[in-house]
Amino acid sequence: MIERASGTLPFDCDQVFDLIADIERYPEFLPWYIASRIQRRESNTVYVEQTVGFGPARLDFASTALLDRPRRIDITSTDPTFRKYNLSWAVKTTDGGSRITVAAEFELQSAFLQYAVDRFLPGAVDGIVAAFGVRAHVLYGPTNGN
């Protein structure tokens, strides 16, 4: 199942892209992120070790983020935890800011964990966009009276 969400932020694409690309800061504002560590960078590719949790379930996994500044970030994982892991961000200029869209597709090896993710994911994707909006305002301040 692919879940999508989008929103508009009153900040330029570079600011929004930088916010999304700052993967190590995710635990500071995404409640299910426990840890996120960049293992290495090669040109526009970032290799990350992550720990996420929802309820009693925790997932430790490796992922790769391909950065196409300032338009797109595609995150994949070949970690054995997943059958499929794709998370894509698109950032586009709009009047007065940027439109962000996130598409998430996760399929876990564990049927039990997949059941938990299926229940959690639809609301979580909307929550991701909202959390990035709040984070943008914290980091970049109010704009145009917002």
N, C-alpha and C. Protein backbone atom coordinates (compact mmCIF):
# COMPACT_ATOMS: atom_id res chain seq x y z
N MET A 1 0.84 -1.17 0.00
CA MET A 1 0.00 0.00 0.00
C MET A 1 0.90 1.24 0.00
N ILE A 2 0.55 2.21 -0.84
CA ILE A 2 1.28 3.48 -0.88
C ILE A 2 0.41 4.53 -0.22
N GLU A 3 0.98 5.22 0.75
CA GLU A 3 0.30 6.32 1.43
C GLU A 3 0.96 7.62 0.98
N ARG A 4 0.14 8.63 0.70
CA ARG A 4 0.65 9.93 0.27
C ARG A 4 0.03 11.03 1.12
N ALA A 5 0.81 12.09 1.29
CA ALA A 5 0.33 13.29 1.96
C ALA A 5 1.10 14.47 1.40
N SER A 6 0.50 15.64 1.49
CA SER A 6 1.19 16.83 1.01
C SER A 6 0.74 18.04 1.81
N GLY A 7 1.51 19.10 1.67
CA GLY A 7 1.19 20.34 2.35
C GLY A 7 2.03 21.47 1.77
N THR A 8 1.64 22.67 2.08
CA THR A 8 2.35 23.85 1.60
C THR A 8 2.96 24.59 2.78
N LEU A 9 4.21 24.97 2.62
CA LEU A 9 4.92 25.71 3.65
C LEU A 9 5.38 27.05 3.11
N PRO A 10 5.35 28.10 3.93
CA PRO A 10 5.74 29.43 3.46
C PRO A 10 7.26 29.66 3.48
N PHE A 11 8.00 28.67 3.02
CA PHE A 11 9.46 28.76 2.98
C PHE A 11 9.93 28.32 1.60
N ASP A 12 11.14 28.75 1.23
CA ASP A 12 11.62 28.40 -0.11
C ASP A 12 12.06 26.93 -0.18
N CYS A 13 12.20 26.44 -1.40
CA CYS A 13 12.53 25.03 -1.62
C CYS A 13 13.83 24.62 -0.95
N ASP A 14 14.83 25.48 -0.97
CA ASP A 14 16.10 25.13 -0.34
C ASP A 14 15.93 24.89 1.15
N GLN A 15 15.17 25.76 1.81
CA GLN A 15 14.94 25.60 3.24
C GLN A 15 14.20 24.29 3.53
N VAL A 16 13.16 24.04 2.77
CA VAL A 16 12.35 22.83 2.98
C VAL A 16 13.18 21.58 2.69
N PHE A 17 13.94 21.62 1.60
CA PHE A 17 14.80 20.49 1.27
C PHE A 17 15.80 20.22 2.39
N ASP A 18 16.45 21.27 2.89
CA ASP A 18 17.42 21.11 3.98
C ASP A 18 16.78 20.49 5.21
N LEU A 19 15.56 20.88 5.50
CA LEU A 19 14.84 20.34 6.64
C LEU A 19 14.61 18.83 6.46
N ILE A 20 14.16 18.43 5.29
CA ILE A 20 13.90 17.02 5.02
C ILE A 20 15.21 16.22 4.99
N ALA A 21 16.26 16.80 4.45
CA ALA A 21 17.55 16.10 4.32
C ALA A 21 18.30 15.99 5.65
N ASP A 22 17.87 16.70 6.68
CA ASP A 22 18.55 16.68 7.98
C ASP A 22 18.08 15.47 8.80
N ILE A 23 18.36 14.30 8.28
CA ILE A 23 17.84 13.03 8.80
C ILE A 23 18.22 12.79 10.25
N GLU A 24 19.41 13.21 10.65
CA GLU A 24 19.84 12.97 12.03
C GLU A 24 19.01 13.73 13.05
N ARG A 25 18.29 14.75 12.63
CA ARG A 25 17.45 15.52 13.56
C ARG A 25 16.03 14.97 13.70
N TYR A 26 15.66 13.98 12.89
CA TYR A 26 14.30 13.44 12.95
C TYR A 26 13.84 13.06 14.36
N PRO A 27 14.70 12.43 15.18
CA PRO A 27 14.23 12.08 16.53
C PRO A 27 13.83 13.28 17.38
N GLU A 28 14.27 14.48 17.01
CA GLU A 28 13.91 15.68 17.77
C GLU A 28 12.46 16.11 17.55
N PHE A 29 11.84 15.70 16.43
CA PHE A 29 10.49 16.19 16.16
C PHE A 29 9.52 15.17 15.57
N LEU A 30 9.99 13.99 15.22
CA LEU A 30 9.09 12.92 14.79
C LEU A 30 8.99 11.91 15.92
N PRO A 31 7.81 11.78 16.53
CA PRO A 31 7.68 11.02 17.77
C PRO A 31 8.06 9.54 17.67
N TRP A 32 7.95 8.92 16.52
CA TRP A 32 8.26 7.51 16.41
C TRP A 32 9.72 7.26 16.04
N TYR A 33 10.48 8.33 15.78
CA TYR A 33 11.91 8.18 15.51
C TYR A 33 12.68 8.14 16.82
N ILE A 34 13.38 7.06 17.05
CA ILE A 34 14.15 6.90 18.27
C ILE A 34 15.60 7.32 18.03
N ALA A 35 16.14 6.92 16.89
CA ALA A 35 17.53 7.27 16.55
C ALA A 35 17.69 7.30 15.03
N SER A 36 18.61 8.14 14.59
CA SER A 36 18.92 8.24 13.17
C SER A 36 20.37 8.71 13.06
N ARG A 37 21.20 7.86 12.51
CA ARG A 37 22.63 8.15 12.42
C ARG A 37 23.11 8.01 10.99
N ILE A 38 23.77 9.04 10.50
CA ILE A 38 24.37 8.96 9.17
C ILE A 38 25.66 8.17 9.29
N GLN A 39 25.78 7.12 8.51
CA GLN A 39 26.97 6.27 8.52
C GLN A 39 28.05 6.81 7.58
N ARG A 40 27.60 7.31 6.42
CA ARG A 40 28.54 7.94 5.48
C ARG A 40 27.78 8.68 4.40
N ARG A 41 28.52 9.58 3.75
CA ARG A 41 28.00 10.36 2.62
C ARG A 41 28.92 10.14 1.43
N GLU A 42 28.30 9.98 0.27
CA GLU A 42 29.04 9.87 -0.98
C GLU A 42 28.30 10.72 -2.01
N SER A 43 28.88 11.87 -2.34
CA SER A 43 28.26 12.78 -3.29
C SER A 43 26.83 13.11 -2.84
N ASN A 44 25.83 12.70 -3.60
CA ASN A 44 24.44 13.02 -3.25
C ASN A 44 23.72 11.84 -2.60
N THR A 45 24.48 10.88 -2.05
CA THR A 45 23.89 9.71 -1.41
C THR A 45 24.29 9.68 0.06
N VAL A 46 23.31 9.41 0.91
CA VAL A 46 23.53 9.35 2.36
C VAL A 46 23.10 7.97 2.84
N TYR A 47 23.97 7.32 3.61
CA TYR A 47 23.68 6.00 4.17
C TYR A 47 23.36 6.18 5.65
N VAL A 48 22.20 5.66 6.07
CA VAL A 48 21.67 5.97 7.39
C VAL A 48 21.30 4.68 8.14
N GLU A 49 21.57 4.66 9.44
CA GLU A 49 21.07 3.64 10.36
C GLU A 49 19.97 4.30 11.18
N GLN A 50 18.81 3.65 11.26
CA GLN A 50 17.66 4.25 11.93
C GLN A 50 17.03 3.27 12.91
N THR A 51 16.39 3.83 13.92
CA THR A 51 15.55 3.06 14.83
C THR A 51 14.23 3.82 14.94
N VAL A 52 13.14 3.13 14.63
CA VAL A 52 11.81 3.71 14.78
C VAL A 52 10.99 2.78 15.66
N GLY A 53 10.00 3.34 16.31
CA GLY A 53 9.16 2.54 17.17
C GLY A 53 7.73 3.04 17.18
N PHE A 54 6.82 2.12 17.28
CA PHE A 54 5.41 2.45 17.47
C PHE A 54 4.85 1.40 18.40
N GLY A 55 4.29 1.88 19.51
CA GLY A 55 3.85 0.95 20.54
C GLY A 55 5.05 0.16 21.04
N PRO A 56 4.88 -1.13 21.26
CA PRO A 56 5.99 -1.94 21.75
C PRO A 56 6.97 -2.38 20.65
N ALA A 57 6.62 -2.12 19.39
CA ALA A 57 7.46 -2.57 18.27
C ALA A 57 8.56 -1.57 17.98
N ARG A 58 9.76 -2.12 17.74
CA ARG A 58 10.92 -1.30 17.35
C ARG A 58 11.55 -1.92 16.12
N LEU A 59 11.97 -1.05 15.21
CA LEU A 59 12.66 -1.51 14.01
C LEU A 59 14.00 -0.81 13.90
N ASP A 60 15.05 -1.59 13.76
CA ASP A 60 16.39 -1.07 13.48
C ASP A 60 16.69 -1.46 12.05
N PHE A 61 17.08 -0.48 11.22
CA PHE A 61 17.33 -0.79 9.82
C PHE A 61 18.25 0.24 9.19
N ALA A 62 18.82 -0.17 8.08
CA ALA A 62 19.67 0.71 7.28
C ALA A 62 18.88 1.20 6.08
N SER A 63 19.16 2.43 5.67
CA SER A 63 18.51 2.97 4.48
C SER A 63 19.51 3.83 3.71
N THR A 64 19.13 4.13 2.48
CA THR A 64 19.94 4.96 1.61
C THR A 64 19.07 6.09 1.09
N ALA A 65 19.55 7.31 1.23
CA ALA A 65 18.82 8.49 0.75
C ALA A 65 19.57 9.07 -0.44
N LEU A 66 18.86 9.21 -1.55
CA LEU A 66 19.40 9.83 -2.74
C LEU A 66 18.85 11.25 -2.81
N LEU A 67 19.75 12.25 -2.72
CA LEU A 67 19.36 13.65 -2.63
C LEU A 67 19.48 14.32 -4.00
N ASP A 68 18.39 14.85 -4.48
CA ASP A 68 18.36 15.60 -5.74
C ASP A 68 17.93 17.03 -5.38
N ARG A 69 18.88 17.80 -4.89
CA ARG A 69 18.64 19.13 -4.36
C ARG A 69 18.16 20.09 -5.44
N PRO A 70 17.16 20.91 -5.18
CA PRO A 70 16.25 20.99 -4.03
C PRO A 70 14.89 20.34 -4.30
N ARG A 71 14.83 19.43 -5.26
CA ARG A 71 13.54 18.92 -5.73
C ARG A 71 13.06 17.63 -5.11
N ARG A 72 13.97 16.72 -4.78
CA ARG A 72 13.52 15.37 -4.46
C ARG A 72 14.50 14.65 -3.54
N ILE A 73 13.94 13.81 -2.68
CA ILE A 73 14.72 12.89 -1.85
C ILE A 73 14.02 11.54 -1.93
N ASP A 74 14.77 10.52 -2.34
CA ASP A 74 14.23 9.16 -2.41
C ASP A 74 15.01 8.30 -1.43
N ILE A 75 14.27 7.66 -0.52
CA ILE A 75 14.88 6.83 0.52
C ILE A 75 14.43 5.39 0.30
N THR A 76 15.39 4.50 0.24
CA THR A 76 15.10 3.08 0.06
C THR A 76 15.86 2.28 1.11
N SER A 77 15.46 1.02 1.23
CA SER A 77 16.18 0.12 2.13
C SER A 77 16.17 -1.28 1.54
N THR A 78 17.31 -1.93 1.62
CA THR A 78 17.40 -3.34 1.26
C THR A 78 17.61 -4.17 2.52
N ASP A 79 17.38 -3.54 3.67
CA ASP A 79 17.51 -4.22 4.94
C ASP A 79 16.59 -5.44 4.97
N PRO A 80 17.04 -6.57 5.53
CA PRO A 80 16.22 -7.77 5.57
C PRO A 80 14.91 -7.62 6.36
N THR A 81 14.79 -6.57 7.14
CA THR A 81 13.54 -6.30 7.86
C THR A 81 12.37 -6.10 6.90
N PHE A 82 12.68 -5.60 5.70
CA PHE A 82 11.64 -5.22 4.74
C PHE A 82 11.63 -6.10 3.50
N ARG A 83 10.45 -6.28 2.96
CA ARG A 83 10.31 -6.80 1.60
C ARG A 83 10.39 -5.62 0.64
N LYS A 84 9.87 -4.48 1.10
CA LYS A 84 9.87 -3.27 0.28
C LYS A 84 9.90 -2.05 1.21
N TYR A 85 10.72 -1.07 0.86
CA TYR A 85 10.79 0.18 1.63
C TYR A 85 11.11 1.31 0.64
N ASN A 86 10.15 2.17 0.44
CA ASN A 86 10.34 3.35 -0.40
C ASN A 86 9.67 4.54 0.27
N LEU A 87 10.42 5.60 0.41
CA LEU A 87 9.90 6.86 0.95
C LEU A 87 10.42 7.96 0.04
N SER A 88 9.51 8.67 -0.60
CA SER A 88 9.91 9.71 -1.56
C SER A 88 9.33 11.05 -1.17
N TRP A 89 10.19 12.06 -1.22
CA TRP A 89 9.80 13.44 -0.96
C TRP A 89 9.94 14.24 -2.25
N ALA A 90 8.96 15.06 -2.55
CA ALA A 90 9.05 15.99 -3.67
C ALA A 90 8.82 17.39 -3.12
N VAL A 91 9.61 18.34 -3.58
CA VAL A 91 9.50 19.74 -3.14
C VAL A 91 9.36 20.59 -4.39
N LYS A 92 8.29 21.38 -4.45
CA LYS A 92 8.04 22.24 -5.61
C LYS A 92 7.73 23.66 -5.15
N THR A 93 8.20 24.63 -5.93
CA THR A 93 7.92 26.04 -5.64
C THR A 93 6.45 26.34 -5.93
N THR A 94 5.83 27.07 -5.01
CA THR A 94 4.46 27.56 -5.20
C THR A 94 4.46 29.05 -4.88
N ASP A 95 3.35 29.70 -5.16
CA ASP A 95 3.22 31.10 -4.78
C ASP A 95 3.37 31.21 -3.27
N GLY A 96 4.37 31.93 -2.84
CA GLY A 96 4.57 32.19 -1.42
C GLY A 96 5.21 31.06 -0.64
N GLY A 97 5.80 30.06 -1.32
CA GLY A 97 6.43 29.01 -0.55
C GLY A 97 6.75 27.77 -1.35
N SER A 98 6.58 26.62 -0.69
CA SER A 98 6.91 25.33 -1.28
C SER A 98 5.82 24.33 -0.96
N ARG A 99 5.57 23.46 -1.90
CA ARG A 99 4.65 22.34 -1.68
C ARG A 99 5.49 21.09 -1.50
N ILE A 100 5.23 20.38 -0.40
CA ILE A 100 5.93 19.12 -0.18
C ILE A 100 4.93 17.97 -0.31
N THR A 101 5.41 16.91 -0.90
CA THR A 101 4.61 15.70 -1.03
C THR A 101 5.48 14.54 -0.59
N VAL A 102 4.91 13.67 0.22
CA VAL A 102 5.63 12.47 0.66
C VAL A 102 4.78 11.25 0.26
N ALA A 103 5.46 10.25 -0.26
CA ALA A 103 4.81 8.98 -0.60
C ALA A 103 5.59 7.88 0.12
N ALA A 104 4.87 7.04 0.85
CA ALA A 104 5.51 5.99 1.64
C ALA A 104 4.93 4.64 1.26
N GLU A 105 5.84 3.68 1.08
CA GLU A 105 5.44 2.31 0.79
C GLU A 105 6.37 1.38 1.58
N PHE A 106 5.79 0.67 2.53
CA PHE A 106 6.56 -0.23 3.37
C PHE A 106 5.90 -1.61 3.38
N GLU A 107 6.71 -2.63 3.18
CA GLU A 107 6.23 -3.99 3.34
C GLU A 107 7.28 -4.75 4.14
N LEU A 108 6.89 -5.18 5.33
CA LEU A 108 7.80 -5.84 6.25
C LEU A 108 7.78 -7.36 6.06
N GLN A 109 8.86 -8.00 6.47
CA GLN A 109 8.92 -9.47 6.44
C GLN A 109 7.97 -10.06 7.48
N SER A 110 7.88 -9.44 8.64
CA SER A 110 7.05 -9.94 9.73
C SER A 110 5.58 -9.56 9.51
N ALA A 111 4.70 -10.57 9.47
CA ALA A 111 3.27 -10.30 9.31
C ALA A 111 2.72 -9.51 10.50
N PHE A 112 3.20 -9.81 11.70
CA PHE A 112 2.75 -9.08 12.88
C PHE A 112 3.11 -7.61 12.80
N LEU A 113 4.39 -7.33 12.46
CA LEU A 113 4.80 -5.93 12.34
C LEU A 113 4.11 -5.24 11.17
N GLN A 114 3.87 -5.97 10.08
CA GLN A 114 3.16 -5.38 8.94
C GLN A 114 1.76 -4.97 9.36
N TYR A 115 1.09 -5.79 10.15
CA TYR A 115 -0.23 -5.45 10.66
C TYR A 115 -0.19 -4.15 11.45
N ALA A 116 0.83 -4.01 12.31
CA ALA A 116 0.97 -2.79 13.10
C ALA A 116 1.23 -1.58 12.20
N VAL A 117 2.10 -1.74 11.21
CA VAL A 117 2.42 -0.64 10.30
C VAL A 117 1.19 -0.25 9.48
N ASP A 118 0.43 -1.23 9.02
CA ASP A 118 -0.78 -0.94 8.23
C ASP A 118 -1.78 -0.12 9.03
N ARG A 119 -1.86 -0.37 10.32
CA ARG A 119 -2.78 0.39 11.17
C ARG A 119 -2.23 1.80 11.46
N PHE A 120 -0.92 1.91 11.52
CA PHE A 120 -0.24 3.14 11.92
C PHE A 120 0.03 4.08 10.73
N LEU A 121 0.37 3.52 9.58
CA LEU A 121 0.89 4.30 8.46
C LEU A 121 -0.04 5.38 7.91
N PRO A 122 -1.33 5.11 7.67
CA PRO A 122 -2.15 6.17 7.07
C PRO A 122 -2.15 7.48 7.85
N GLY A 123 -2.32 7.44 9.14
CA GLY A 123 -2.28 8.65 9.94
C GLY A 123 -0.88 9.21 10.10
N ALA A 124 0.09 8.31 10.09
CA ALA A 124 1.48 8.73 10.29
C ALA A 124 1.98 9.58 9.13
N VAL A 125 1.62 9.24 7.91
CA VAL A 125 2.10 10.01 6.76
C VAL A 125 1.57 11.44 6.82
N ASP A 126 0.30 11.62 7.15
CA ASP A 126 -0.23 12.97 7.35
C ASP A 126 0.50 13.67 8.49
N GLY A 127 0.78 12.91 9.55
CA GLY A 127 1.49 13.47 10.68
C GLY A 127 2.92 13.88 10.36
N ILE A 128 3.55 13.16 9.43
CA ILE A 128 4.90 13.52 9.01
C ILE A 128 4.90 14.90 8.38
N VAL A 129 3.98 15.14 7.48
CA VAL A 129 3.91 16.45 6.82
C VAL A 129 3.65 17.55 7.84
N ALA A 130 2.72 17.31 8.76
CA ALA A 130 2.42 18.30 9.80
C ALA A 130 3.64 18.55 10.68
N ALA A 131 4.36 17.49 11.06
CA ALA A 131 5.54 17.64 11.91
C ALA A 131 6.63 18.45 11.21
N PHE A 132 6.82 18.24 9.92
CA PHE A 132 7.81 19.02 9.19
C PHE A 132 7.39 20.48 9.09
N GLY A 133 6.09 20.73 8.98
CA GLY A 133 5.60 22.11 8.98
C GLY A 133 5.90 22.82 10.29
N VAL A 134 5.64 22.15 11.40
CA VAL A 134 5.93 22.72 12.71
C VAL A 134 7.44 22.95 12.85
N ARG A 135 8.22 21.97 12.45
CA ARG A 135 9.68 22.08 12.55
C ARG A 135 10.20 23.25 11.72
N ALA A 136 9.66 23.44 10.52
CA ALA A 136 10.08 24.55 9.65
C ALA A 136 9.82 25.89 10.34
N HIS A 137 8.67 26.03 10.97
CA HIS A 137 8.36 27.29 11.66
C HIS A 137 9.27 27.50 12.87
N VAL A 138 9.62 26.43 13.56
CA VAL A 138 10.53 26.53 14.70
C VAL A 138 11.90 26.99 14.23
N LEU A 139 12.41 26.37 13.16
CA LEU A 139 13.75 26.69 12.68
C LEU A 139 13.84 28.02 11.93
N TYR A 140 12.85 28.29 11.09
CA TYR A 140 12.93 29.44 10.19
C TYR A 140 12.09 30.63 10.63
N GLY A 141 11.26 30.44 11.66
CA GLY A 141 10.47 31.54 12.19
C GLY A 141 9.21 31.79 11.40
N PRO A 142 8.36 32.65 11.92
CA PRO A 142 7.11 32.99 11.21
C PRO A 142 7.40 33.78 9.94
N THR A 143 6.55 33.60 8.95
CA THR A 143 6.68 34.36 7.70
C THR A 143 5.31 34.90 7.33
N ASN A 144 5.29 36.08 6.79
CA ASN A 144 4.05 36.70 6.31
C ASN A 144 2.91 36.61 7.31
N GLY A 145 3.25 36.81 8.57
CA GLY A 145 2.22 36.79 9.61
C GLY A 145 1.80 35.41 10.03
N ASN A 146 2.44 34.34 9.49
CA ASN A 146 2.06 32.96 9.85
C ASN A 146 2.76 32.52 11.11
